[in-house]
Each structure stands twice: as structure tokens, then as C-alpha cells.
Amino acid sequence: MQEYGVTVSESRGRFSYRTADRTKPISSRKLGDDFSKEKVLATFAQNAERKKIASLRRSDPNPDRISRLIDIQAKLAAGKGAGYEHWAKVFNLKQLAKSMSLFTRYNLNSEEELNARVAELQEKRDEALKVVKDLEDRIKANQELRRHVLAYVQNKKIAQQIKTAKNLETFREQHRAELTAYQAAAAYFKAQNITKLPSLKQLEAEREQLISEKARFYEPYREAKKAWMELSTAQQNLEAIVRKEEHRQEKEQGGLNELDKG
């Protein structure tokens, strides 16, 4: 509380509070039950527990997700301390355990099987994404066509009035926005080779159908993406461990060679 300019003192089991602009402290009895010693200590304990839980969540915000292993030596070289090193070792052990569990779930017994399954999941993800992207493009095209049809219908009468306008320049200036939207719509129809305009009701029904299809296909894509990310991350973790072991063996072999020379 001192950080907020409040000094707390205790006398006969009661707290008193003094702010920087006061010379005499105020007894908790005058401030009410919320400032009693018991209530204040209980609040401090609750806050400490919340900070502890928040810290644990920050350290592993997605406990069910497999994350890549931390390069501890690189982190230590960058200035991290012993506390971080201990946390990172525990974190890496957890990620390895998750990775091995995933290999077991997929019944993978060799590096070749792992690589083949990762490639299979990536292909499945790419195929699902292709369908979703196609539907998104069709929804976007539908919305653009609907916008031009609406602009064309709304401003058609104004465009036709040009022929009978007494002062053409004044008329164009007064209706510049409407005429611009109408001309843009006409140019769009010509570019798309559209000779018969669809109804707005028809376009809205088509849009709803496309959105429904996207929602139906998006779930398989999301699942395929999740499965690929999980297994590819586990694959990278395995590769990191293999590289580390190879480096250790090379180092040991180098040491034996030096002994042999001696």
C-alpha cells in the first residue's frame, strides 16, 4: 500500500491508515469493516493467489497444446537466469511428454511413418483450405455483384433523367455520386459479361447458401489444421532432441579422440 502513498500501522490488533496529506492516521473502526485487519489480510491473500495463478497461466497459456522446445542455452546466453532455466527445463519435459503421447496416439513407430503422416495431414489441411478459400471468394464476388445491382437499380431513374435535364452540367453536379455509382455498376456488368441482372432476393439466397457451405467445410479445415500443427510441432521437437543427442555424441567422440592422441 506504500506504493499508493498509504502508511499502515497496527495498534492493539487494529490497523490504522495515514495518507501523505494527513498528519494523523485514521482508525479502521472509522473506515468500516472492509478496512479491518482480518478483511485487509484476507484481501491481500486473495490477490497473491490470483497473481500466482495468472503467472502460471502466462507460463503455459495453452496447457493442452504442444509447443516447440525452448533452446535453453540460447536463452541463457541472451541473459536469462537460473530461475528461467529451471522453468524451461520443466516446460521442455512437458512438451516432450505431449509429443511422445501424440506419437502413440497415431501409432507411429519410426521417423518415416512420422514424416508420412505429417505430409498426409498437411495435404488434408491444404485441400480443406482450398475449398474454404473458394467459398470465401464466391461470397466476396456475390457481395460485389449485389452492391452493383443495388446501385444500378437505385440510380437508374436518375441516369435516365439526363436525357431530359434542362441544365446538363448542373444536373450532373447535383447527382455526381449517384451517376458515378450507376456508371461503375454498368462497367462492372460489361466486364463480367452480365446481360441479365439477377434479383437482389436471388443474390441474398445464394449468399446465405455459400455462407452455410463455408461453415460446414470450415470445421474439417480447422480440425485438419489443428492435427497438422500438433504433429508437425511434435516432429520438430523430436528433431531437436535428435540433433542435441548427435551433438553430444560428436562432442564425446571428439574428447575420446583427444585422449587417444594423448
C-alpha atoms as a PDB file:
ATOM      1  CA  MET A   1       0.000   0.000   0.000  1.00  0.00           C
ATOM      2  CA  GLN A   2       3.001   2.264   0.411  1.00  0.00           C
ATOM      3  CA  GLU A   3       3.241   2.396  -3.391  1.00  0.00           C
ATOM      4  CA  TYR A   4      -0.069   4.291  -3.293  1.00  0.00           C
ATOM      5  CA  GLY A   5       1.062   6.658  -0.542  1.00  0.00           C
ATOM      6  CA  VAL A   6      -0.750   4.890   2.299  1.00  0.00           C
ATOM      7  CA  THR A   7       1.077   4.050   5.526  1.00  0.00           C
ATOM      8  CA  VAL A   8      -0.398   1.217   7.600  1.00  0.00           C
ATOM      9  CA  SER A   9       0.233   0.856  11.313  1.00  0.00           C
ATOM     10  CA  GLU A  10      -1.104  -1.601  13.876  1.00  0.00           C
ATOM     11  CA  SER A  11      -2.145  -0.988  17.460  1.00  0.00           C
ATOM     12  CA  ARG A  12      -3.993  -3.411  19.735  1.00  0.00           C
ATOM     13  CA  GLY A  13      -4.840  -5.699  16.838  1.00  0.00           C
ATOM     14  CA  ARG A  14      -6.312  -2.948  14.687  1.00  0.00           C
ATOM     15  CA  PHE A  15      -4.989  -1.269  11.566  1.00  0.00           C
ATOM     16  CA  SER A  16      -4.768   2.489  11.108  1.00  0.00           C
ATOM     17  CA  TYR A  17      -4.161   4.238   7.786  1.00  0.00           C
ATOM     18  CA  ARG A  18      -2.415   7.505   7.032  1.00  0.00           C
ATOM     19  CA  THR A  19      -2.178   9.144   3.623  1.00  0.00           C
ATOM     20  CA  ALA A  20       0.545  11.569   2.582  1.00  0.00           C
ATOM     21  CA  ASP A  21      -1.727  14.599   3.043  1.00  0.00           C
ATOM     22  CA  ARG A  22      -2.682  13.726   6.628  1.00  0.00           C
ATOM     23  CA  THR A  23      -0.695  14.068   9.832  1.00  0.00           C
ATOM     24  CA  LYS A  24      -2.803  11.690  11.904  1.00  0.00           C
ATOM     25  CA  PRO A  25      -3.800   8.132  10.980  1.00  0.00           C
ATOM     26  CA  ILE A  26      -7.410   7.044  10.596  1.00  0.00           C
ATOM     27  CA  SER A  27      -8.529   4.017  12.594  1.00  0.00           C
ATOM     28  CA  SER A  28     -10.098   1.112  10.741  1.00  0.00           C
ATOM     29  CA  ARG A  29     -13.092   1.454  13.076  1.00  0.00           C
ATOM     30  CA  LYS A  30     -13.916   4.790  11.439  1.00  0.00           C
ATOM     31  CA  LEU A  31     -13.421   3.455   7.903  1.00  0.00           C
ATOM     32  CA  GLY A  32     -15.679   0.431   8.339  1.00  0.00           C
ATOM     33  CA  ASP A  33     -15.380  -3.352   8.355  1.00  0.00           C
ATOM     34  CA  ASP A  34     -13.785  -3.500   4.886  1.00  0.00           C
ATOM     35  CA  PHE A  35     -10.625  -1.937   6.387  1.00  0.00           C
ATOM     36  CA  SER A  36     -10.377  -4.214   9.402  1.00  0.00           C
ATOM     37  CA  LYS A  37      -7.189  -6.207   9.863  1.00  0.00           C
ATOM     38  CA  GLU A  38      -8.924  -9.509   9.047  1.00  0.00           C
ATOM     39  CA  LYS A  39     -10.561  -8.208   5.860  1.00  0.00           C
ATOM     40  CA  VAL A  40      -7.395  -6.499   4.621  1.00  0.00           C
ATOM     41  CA  LEU A  41      -5.170  -9.550   5.203  1.00  0.00           C
ATOM     42  CA  ALA A  42      -7.746 -11.786   3.527  1.00  0.00           C
ATOM     43  CA  THR A  43      -7.821  -9.480   0.505  1.00  0.00           C
ATOM     44  CA  PHE A  44      -4.018  -9.470   0.301  1.00  0.00           C
ATOM     45  CA  ALA A  45      -4.010 -13.283   0.394  1.00  0.00           C
ATOM     46  CA  GLN A  46      -6.618 -13.470  -2.381  1.00  0.00           C
ATOM     47  CA  ASN A  47      -4.659 -11.018  -4.534  1.00  0.00           C
ATOM     48  CA  ALA A  48      -1.459 -13.008  -4.026  1.00  0.00           C
ATOM     49  CA  GLU A  49      -3.210 -16.214  -5.064  1.00  0.00           C
ATOM     50  CA  ARG A  50      -4.673 -14.545  -8.164  1.00  0.00           C
ATOM     51  CA  LYS A  51      -1.214 -13.292  -9.163  1.00  0.00           C
ATOM     52  CA  LYS A  52       0.209 -16.779  -8.676  1.00  0.00           C
ATOM     53  CA  ILE A  53      -2.468 -18.347 -10.879  1.00  0.00           C
ATOM     54  CA  ALA A  54      -2.057 -15.622 -13.520  1.00  0.00           C
ATOM     55  CA  SER A  55       1.693 -16.230 -13.550  1.00  0.00           C
ATOM     56  CA  LEU A  56       1.190 -19.957 -14.101  1.00  0.00           C
ATOM     57  CA  ARG A  57      -1.259 -19.278 -16.922  1.00  0.00           C
ATOM     58  CA  ARG A  58       1.192 -16.909 -18.597  1.00  0.00           C
ATOM     59  CA  SER A  59       3.919 -19.536 -18.404  1.00  0.00           C
ATOM     60  CA  ASP A  60       1.723 -22.069 -20.223  1.00  0.00           C
ATOM     61  CA  PRO A  61      -1.419 -20.317 -21.535  1.00  0.00           C
ATOM     62  CA  ASN A  62      -2.497 -23.387 -23.550  1.00  0.00           C
ATOM     63  CA  PRO A  63      -1.722 -26.434 -21.397  1.00  0.00           C
ATOM     64  CA  ASP A  64      -3.259 -28.877 -23.885  1.00  0.00           C
ATOM     65  CA  ARG A  65      -1.350 -27.566 -26.904  1.00  0.00           C
ATOM     66  CA  ILE A  66       2.055 -28.908 -27.892  1.00  0.00           C
ATOM     67  CA  SER A  67       4.658 -26.147 -28.116  1.00  0.00           C
ATOM     68  CA  ARG A  68       8.141 -26.179 -29.598  1.00  0.00           C
ATOM     69  CA  LEU A  69      11.030 -26.881 -27.261  1.00  0.00           C
ATOM     70  CA  ILE A  70      12.891 -23.897 -25.868  1.00  0.00           C
ATOM     71  CA  ASP A  71      16.556 -23.512 -26.786  1.00  0.00           C
ATOM     72  CA  ILE A  72      17.665 -23.097 -23.179  1.00  0.00           C
ATOM     73  CA  GLN A  73      21.319 -22.460 -23.939  1.00  0.00           C
ATOM     74  CA  ALA A  74      20.417 -19.669 -26.347  1.00  0.00           C
ATOM     75  CA  LYS A  75      18.129 -18.104 -23.734  1.00  0.00           C
ATOM     76  CA  LEU A  76      20.857 -18.280 -21.068  1.00  0.00           C
ATOM     77  CA  ALA A  77      23.339 -16.700 -23.474  1.00  0.00           C
ATOM     78  CA  ALA A  78      20.795 -13.903 -24.000  1.00  0.00           C
ATOM     79  CA  GLY A  79      20.760 -13.153 -20.266  1.00  0.00           C
ATOM     80  CA  LYS A  80      18.114 -15.405 -18.735  1.00  0.00           C
ATOM     81  CA  GLY A  81      18.805 -16.565 -15.193  1.00  0.00           C
ATOM     82  CA  ALA A  82      18.716 -19.780 -13.176  1.00  0.00           C
ATOM     83  CA  GLY A  83      15.012 -19.398 -12.403  1.00  0.00           C
ATOM     84  CA  TYR A  84      14.154 -19.272 -16.076  1.00  0.00           C
ATOM     85  CA  GLU A  85      16.440 -22.241 -16.768  1.00  0.00           C
ATOM     86  CA  HIS A  86      14.565 -24.366 -14.208  1.00  0.00           C
ATOM     87  CA  TRP A  87      11.177 -23.349 -15.640  1.00  0.00           C
ATOM     88  CA  ALA A  88      12.330 -24.004 -19.223  1.00  0.00           C
ATOM     89  CA  LYS A  89      13.582 -27.497 -18.350  1.00  0.00           C
ATOM     90  CA  VAL A  90      10.232 -28.394 -16.809  1.00  0.00           C
ATOM     91  CA  PHE A  91       8.437 -26.840 -19.813  1.00  0.00           C
ATOM     92  CA  ASN A  92      10.531 -28.865 -22.277  1.00  0.00           C
ATOM     93  CA  LEU A  93       9.893 -32.094 -20.388  1.00  0.00           C
ATOM     94  CA  LYS A  94       6.149 -31.448 -20.571  1.00  0.00           C
ATOM     95  CA  GLN A  95       6.314 -30.772 -24.319  1.00  0.00           C
ATOM     96  CA  LEU A  96       8.319 -33.949 -24.895  1.00  0.00           C
ATOM     97  CA  ALA A  97       5.782 -35.954 -22.913  1.00  0.00           C
ATOM     98  CA  LYS A  98       2.958 -34.473 -25.006  1.00  0.00           C
ATOM     99  CA  SER A  99       4.889 -35.211 -28.194  1.00  0.00           C
ATOM    100  CA  MET A 100       5.514 -38.855 -27.274  1.00  0.00           C
ATOM    101  CA  SER A 101       1.864 -39.252 -26.286  1.00  0.00           C
ATOM    102  CA  LEU A 102       0.837 -37.941 -29.706  1.00  0.00           C
ATOM    103  CA  PHE A 103       3.145 -40.413 -31.481  1.00  0.00           C
ATOM    104  CA  THR A 104       1.492 -43.201 -29.510  1.00  0.00           C
ATOM    105  CA  ARG A 105      -1.986 -41.931 -30.378  1.00  0.00           C
ATOM    106  CA  TYR A 106      -1.115 -42.013 -34.097  1.00  0.00           C
ATOM    107  CA  ASN A 107       0.648 -45.386 -33.680  1.00  0.00           C
ATOM    108  CA  LEU A 108       3.869 -44.038 -35.185  1.00  0.00           C
ATOM    109  CA  ASN A 109       6.907 -46.263 -34.699  1.00  0.00           C
ATOM    110  CA  SER A 110       9.522 -44.732 -36.985  1.00  0.00           C
ATOM    111  CA  GLU A 111      10.702 -41.417 -38.373  1.00  0.00           C
ATOM    112  CA  GLU A 112       9.489 -42.473 -41.837  1.00  0.00           C
ATOM    113  CA  GLU A 113       5.974 -43.130 -40.525  1.00  0.00           C
ATOM    114  CA  LEU A 114       6.013 -39.770 -38.739  1.00  0.00           C
ATOM    115  CA  ASN A 115       7.122 -37.866 -41.849  1.00  0.00           C
ATOM    116  CA  ALA A 116       4.499 -39.615 -43.976  1.00  0.00           C
ATOM    117  CA  ARG A 117       1.707 -38.826 -41.519  1.00  0.00           C
ATOM    118  CA  VAL A 118       2.741 -35.154 -41.256  1.00  0.00           C
ATOM    119  CA  ALA A 119       2.724 -34.898 -45.070  1.00  0.00           C
ATOM    120  CA  GLU A 120      -0.697 -36.584 -45.188  1.00  0.00           C
ATOM    121  CA  LEU A 121      -2.160 -34.183 -42.630  1.00  0.00           C
ATOM    122  CA  GLN A 122      -0.651 -31.204 -44.443  1.00  0.00           C
ATOM    123  CA  GLU A 123      -2.242 -32.331 -47.720  1.00  0.00           C
ATOM    124  CA  LYS A 124      -5.590 -32.769 -45.996  1.00  0.00           C
ATOM    125  CA  ARG A 125      -5.260 -29.285 -44.478  1.00  0.00           C
ATOM    126  CA  ASP A 126      -4.362 -27.755 -47.857  1.00  0.00           C
ATOM    127  CA  GLU A 127      -7.314 -29.426 -49.593  1.00  0.00           C
ATOM    128  CA  ALA A 128      -9.743 -28.241 -46.927  1.00  0.00           C
ATOM    129  CA  LEU A 129      -8.275 -24.731 -47.072  1.00  0.00           C
ATOM    130  CA  LYS A 130      -8.682 -24.672 -50.858  1.00  0.00           C
ATOM    131  CA  VAL A 131     -12.414 -25.384 -50.509  1.00  0.00           C
ATOM    132  CA  VAL A 132     -12.825 -22.721 -47.813  1.00  0.00           C
ATOM    133  CA  LYS A 133     -10.905 -20.124 -49.849  1.00  0.00           C
ATOM    134  CA  ASP A 134     -13.009 -20.881 -52.952  1.00  0.00           C
ATOM    135  CA  LEU A 135     -16.201 -20.356 -50.949  1.00  0.00           C
ATOM    136  CA  GLU A 136     -14.819 -17.116 -49.483  1.00  0.00           C
ATOM    137  CA  ASP A 137     -14.028 -15.848 -52.991  1.00  0.00           C
ATOM    138  CA  ARG A 138     -17.536 -16.730 -54.161  1.00  0.00           C
ATOM    139  CA  ILE A 139     -19.074 -14.950 -51.173  1.00  0.00           C
ATOM    140  CA  LYS A 140     -16.950 -11.889 -51.920  1.00  0.00           C
ATOM    141  CA  ALA A 141     -17.975 -11.955 -55.610  1.00  0.00           C
ATOM    142  CA  ASN A 142     -21.626 -12.310 -54.596  1.00  0.00           C
ATOM    143  CA  GLN A 143     -21.372  -9.294 -52.291  1.00  0.00           C
ATOM    144  CA  GLU A 144     -19.699  -7.206 -55.007  1.00  0.00           C
ATOM    145  CA  LEU A 145     -22.354  -8.159 -57.578  1.00  0.00           C
ATOM    146  CA  ARG A 146     -25.124  -7.414 -55.083  1.00  0.00           C
ATOM    147  CA  ARG A 147     -23.600  -3.992 -54.368  1.00  0.00           C
ATOM    148  CA  HIS A 148     -23.516  -3.108 -58.073  1.00  0.00           C
ATOM    149  CA  VAL A 149     -27.026  -4.426 -58.719  1.00  0.00           C
ATOM    150  CA  LEU A 150     -28.349  -2.349 -55.830  1.00  0.00           C
ATOM    151  CA  ALA A 151     -26.533   0.765 -57.066  1.00  0.00           C
ATOM    152  CA  TYR A 152     -27.783   0.202 -60.631  1.00  0.00           C
ATOM    153  CA  VAL A 153     -31.415  -0.270 -59.568  1.00  0.00           C
ATOM    154  CA  GLN A 154     -31.428   2.643 -57.139  1.00  0.00           C
ATOM    155  CA  ASN A 155     -29.850   5.132 -59.546  1.00  0.00           C
ATOM    156  CA  LYS A 156     -31.302   4.016 -62.875  1.00  0.00           C
ATOM    157  CA  LYS A 157     -34.061   6.645 -62.863  1.00  0.00           C
ATOM    158  CA  ILE A 158     -31.591   9.451 -62.179  1.00  0.00           C
ATOM    159  CA  ALA A 159     -29.367   8.243 -65.015  1.00  0.00           C
ATOM    160  CA  GLN A 160     -32.350   8.235 -67.382  1.00  0.00           C
ATOM    161  CA  GLN A 161     -33.210  11.837 -66.413  1.00  0.00           C
ATOM    162  CA  ILE A 162     -30.005  13.063 -68.066  1.00  0.00           C
ATOM    163  CA  LYS A 163     -31.801  12.975 -71.427  1.00  0.00           C
ATOM    164  CA  THR A 164     -34.435  15.461 -70.261  1.00  0.00           C
ATOM    165  CA  ALA A 165     -32.322  17.630 -67.946  1.00  0.00           C
ATOM    166  CA  LYS A 166     -32.580  21.345 -68.800  1.00  0.00           C
ATOM    167  CA  ASN A 167     -29.102  22.140 -67.491  1.00  0.00           C
ATOM    168  CA  LEU A 168     -26.950  19.055 -68.023  1.00  0.00           C
ATOM    169  CA  GLU A 169     -23.859  20.293 -66.166  1.00  0.00           C
ATOM    170  CA  THR A 170     -25.876  21.377 -63.114  1.00  0.00           C
ATOM    171  CA  PHE A 171     -27.760  18.078 -63.114  1.00  0.00           C
ATOM    172  CA  ARG A 172     -24.517  16.085 -63.283  1.00  0.00           C
ATOM    173  CA  GLU A 173     -23.008  18.087 -60.423  1.00  0.00           C
ATOM    174  CA  GLN A 174     -26.083  17.655 -58.239  1.00  0.00           C
ATOM    175  CA  HIS A 175     -26.169  13.889 -58.797  1.00  0.00           C
ATOM    176  CA  ARG A 176     -22.450  13.153 -59.164  1.00  0.00           C
ATOM    177  CA  ALA A 177     -22.396  10.367 -56.546  1.00  0.00           C
ATOM    178  CA  GLU A 178     -25.482   8.577 -57.893  1.00  0.00           C
ATOM    179  CA  LEU A 179     -24.287   8.779 -61.513  1.00  0.00           C
ATOM    180  CA  THR A 180     -20.811   7.570 -60.574  1.00  0.00           C
ATOM    181  CA  ALA A 181     -22.249   4.540 -58.766  1.00  0.00           C
ATOM    182  CA  TYR A 182     -24.559   3.793 -61.729  1.00  0.00           C
ATOM    183  CA  GLN A 183     -21.745   4.052 -64.278  1.00  0.00           C
ATOM    184  CA  ALA A 184     -19.450   1.875 -62.147  1.00  0.00           C
ATOM    185  CA  ALA A 185     -22.175  -0.767 -61.951  1.00  0.00           C
ATOM    186  CA  ALA A 186     -22.734  -0.679 -65.722  1.00  0.00           C
ATOM    187  CA  ALA A 187     -18.986  -1.012 -66.338  1.00  0.00           C
ATOM    188  CA  TYR A 188     -18.834  -3.969 -63.931  1.00  0.00           C
ATOM    189  CA  PHE A 189     -21.683  -5.788 -65.696  1.00  0.00           C
ATOM    190  CA  LYS A 190     -19.989  -5.261 -69.045  1.00  0.00           C
ATOM    191  CA  ALA A 191     -16.641  -6.527 -67.759  1.00  0.00           C
ATOM    192  CA  GLN A 192     -18.309  -9.623 -66.263  1.00  0.00           C
ATOM    193  CA  ASN A 193     -20.372 -10.172 -69.433  1.00  0.00           C
ATOM    194  CA  ILE A 194     -23.612  -9.922 -67.444  1.00  0.00           C
ATOM    195  CA  THR A 195     -26.539  -9.211 -69.749  1.00  0.00           C
ATOM    196  CA  LYS A 196     -29.379 -10.089 -67.375  1.00  0.00           C
ATOM    197  CA  LEU A 197     -29.307  -8.802 -63.821  1.00  0.00           C
ATOM    198  CA  PRO A 198     -30.085 -11.261 -61.054  1.00  0.00           C
ATOM    199  CA  SER A 199     -32.612 -10.169 -58.454  1.00  0.00           C
ATOM    200  CA  LEU A 200     -31.428  -8.972 -55.064  1.00  0.00           C
ATOM    201  CA  LYS A 201     -33.539 -11.704 -53.477  1.00  0.00           C
ATOM    202  CA  GLN A 202     -31.784 -14.312 -55.580  1.00  0.00           C
ATOM    203  CA  LEU A 203     -28.350 -12.952 -54.665  1.00  0.00           C
ATOM    204  CA  GLU A 204     -29.197 -12.911 -50.958  1.00  0.00           C
ATOM    205  CA  ALA A 205     -30.360 -16.538 -51.102  1.00  0.00           C
ATOM    206  CA  GLU A 206     -27.153 -17.509 -52.908  1.00  0.00           C
ATOM    207  CA  ARG A 207     -25.075 -15.649 -50.303  1.00  0.00           C
ATOM    208  CA  GLU A 208     -26.776 -17.436 -47.414  1.00  0.00           C
ATOM    209  CA  GLN A 209     -26.184 -20.782 -49.094  1.00  0.00           C
ATOM    210  CA  LEU A 210     -22.490 -20.026 -49.610  1.00  0.00           C
ATOM    211  CA  ILE A 211     -22.069 -18.910 -46.008  1.00  0.00           C
ATOM    212  CA  SER A 212     -23.741 -22.129 -44.859  1.00  0.00           C
ATOM    213  CA  GLU A 213     -21.416 -24.209 -47.050  1.00  0.00           C
ATOM    214  CA  LYS A 214     -18.367 -22.356 -45.720  1.00  0.00           C
ATOM    215  CA  ALA A 215     -19.432 -23.009 -42.133  1.00  0.00           C
ATOM    216  CA  ARG A 216     -19.847 -26.707 -42.957  1.00  0.00           C
ATOM    217  CA  PHE A 217     -16.436 -27.015 -44.621  1.00  0.00           C
ATOM    218  CA  TYR A 218     -14.584 -24.776 -42.162  1.00  0.00           C
ATOM    219  CA  GLU A 219     -14.842 -27.277 -39.302  1.00  0.00           C
ATOM    220  CA  PRO A 220     -12.986 -30.046 -41.204  1.00  0.00           C
ATOM    221  CA  TYR A 221     -10.363 -27.459 -42.201  1.00  0.00           C
ATOM    222  CA  ARG A 222      -9.938 -26.315 -38.611  1.00  0.00           C
ATOM    223  CA  GLU A 223      -9.581 -29.901 -37.392  1.00  0.00           C
ATOM    224  CA  ALA A 224      -7.129 -30.760 -40.181  1.00  0.00           C
ATOM    225  CA  LYS A 225      -5.065 -27.651 -39.442  1.00  0.00           C
ATOM    226  CA  LYS A 226      -5.010 -28.411 -35.716  1.00  0.00           C
ATOM    227  CA  ALA A 227      -3.932 -32.039 -36.281  1.00  0.00           C
ATOM    228  CA  TRP A 228      -1.185 -30.979 -38.702  1.00  0.00           C
ATOM    229  CA  MET A 229       0.130 -28.261 -36.370  1.00  0.00           C
ATOM    230  CA  GLU A 230       0.191 -30.643 -33.394  1.00  0.00           C
ATOM    231  CA  LEU A 231       2.036 -33.421 -35.184  1.00  0.00           C
ATOM    232  CA  SER A 232       4.436 -31.138 -37.069  1.00  0.00           C
ATOM    233  CA  THR A 233       5.356 -29.411 -33.788  1.00  0.00           C
ATOM    234  CA  ALA A 234       5.934 -32.807 -32.162  1.00  0.00           C
ATOM    235  CA  GLN A 235       8.047 -33.718 -35.194  1.00  0.00           C
ATOM    236  CA  GLN A 236      10.174 -30.590 -34.718  1.00  0.00           C
ATOM    237  CA  ASN A 237      10.599 -31.430 -31.038  1.00  0.00           C
ATOM    238  CA  LEU A 238      11.815 -34.913 -31.918  1.00  0.00           C
ATOM    239  CA  GLU A 239      14.238 -33.492 -34.478  1.00  0.00           C
ATOM    240  CA  ALA A 240      15.573 -31.047 -31.869  1.00  0.00           C
ATOM    241  CA  ILE A 241      16.236 -33.897 -29.441  1.00  0.00           C
ATOM    242  CA  VAL A 242      17.951 -35.959 -32.155  1.00  0.00           C
ATOM    243  CA  ARG A 243      20.171 -33.027 -33.118  1.00  0.00           C
ATOM    244  CA  LYS A 244      21.038 -32.428 -29.468  1.00  0.00           C
ATOM    245  CA  GLU A 245      21.939 -36.087 -28.976  1.00  0.00           C
ATOM    246  CA  GLU A 246      24.035 -36.151 -32.142  1.00  0.00           C
ATOM    247  CA  HIS A 247      25.866 -33.028 -30.985  1.00  0.00           C
ATOM    248  CA  ARG A 248      26.512 -34.623 -27.581  1.00  0.00           C
ATOM    249  CA  GLN A 249      27.860 -37.801 -29.178  1.00  0.00           C
ATOM    250  CA  GLU A 250      30.102 -35.814 -31.516  1.00  0.00           C
ATOM    251  CA  LYS A 251      31.440 -33.876 -28.552  1.00  0.00           C
ATOM    252  CA  GLU A 252      32.110 -37.069 -26.592  1.00  0.00           C
ATOM    253  CA  GLN A 253      33.778 -38.680 -29.600  1.00  0.00           C
ATOM    254  CA  GLY A 254      35.938 -35.612 -30.012  1.00  0.00           C
ATOM    255  CA  GLY A 255      37.006 -35.908 -26.398  1.00  0.00           C
ATOM    256  CA  LEU A 256      37.882 -39.617 -26.835  1.00  0.00           C
ATOM    257  CA  ASN A 257      39.906 -38.804 -29.917  1.00  0.00           C
ATOM    258  CA  GLU A 258      41.901 -36.259 -27.961  1.00  0.00           C
ATOM    259  CA  LEU A 259      42.578 -38.877 -25.247  1.00  0.00           C
ATOM    260  CA  ASP A 260      43.738 -41.372 -27.874  1.00  0.00           C
ATOM    261  CA  LYS A 261      46.149 -38.813 -29.270  1.00  0.00           C
ATOM    262  CA  GLY A 262      47.488 -38.227 -25.801  1.00  0.00           C
END
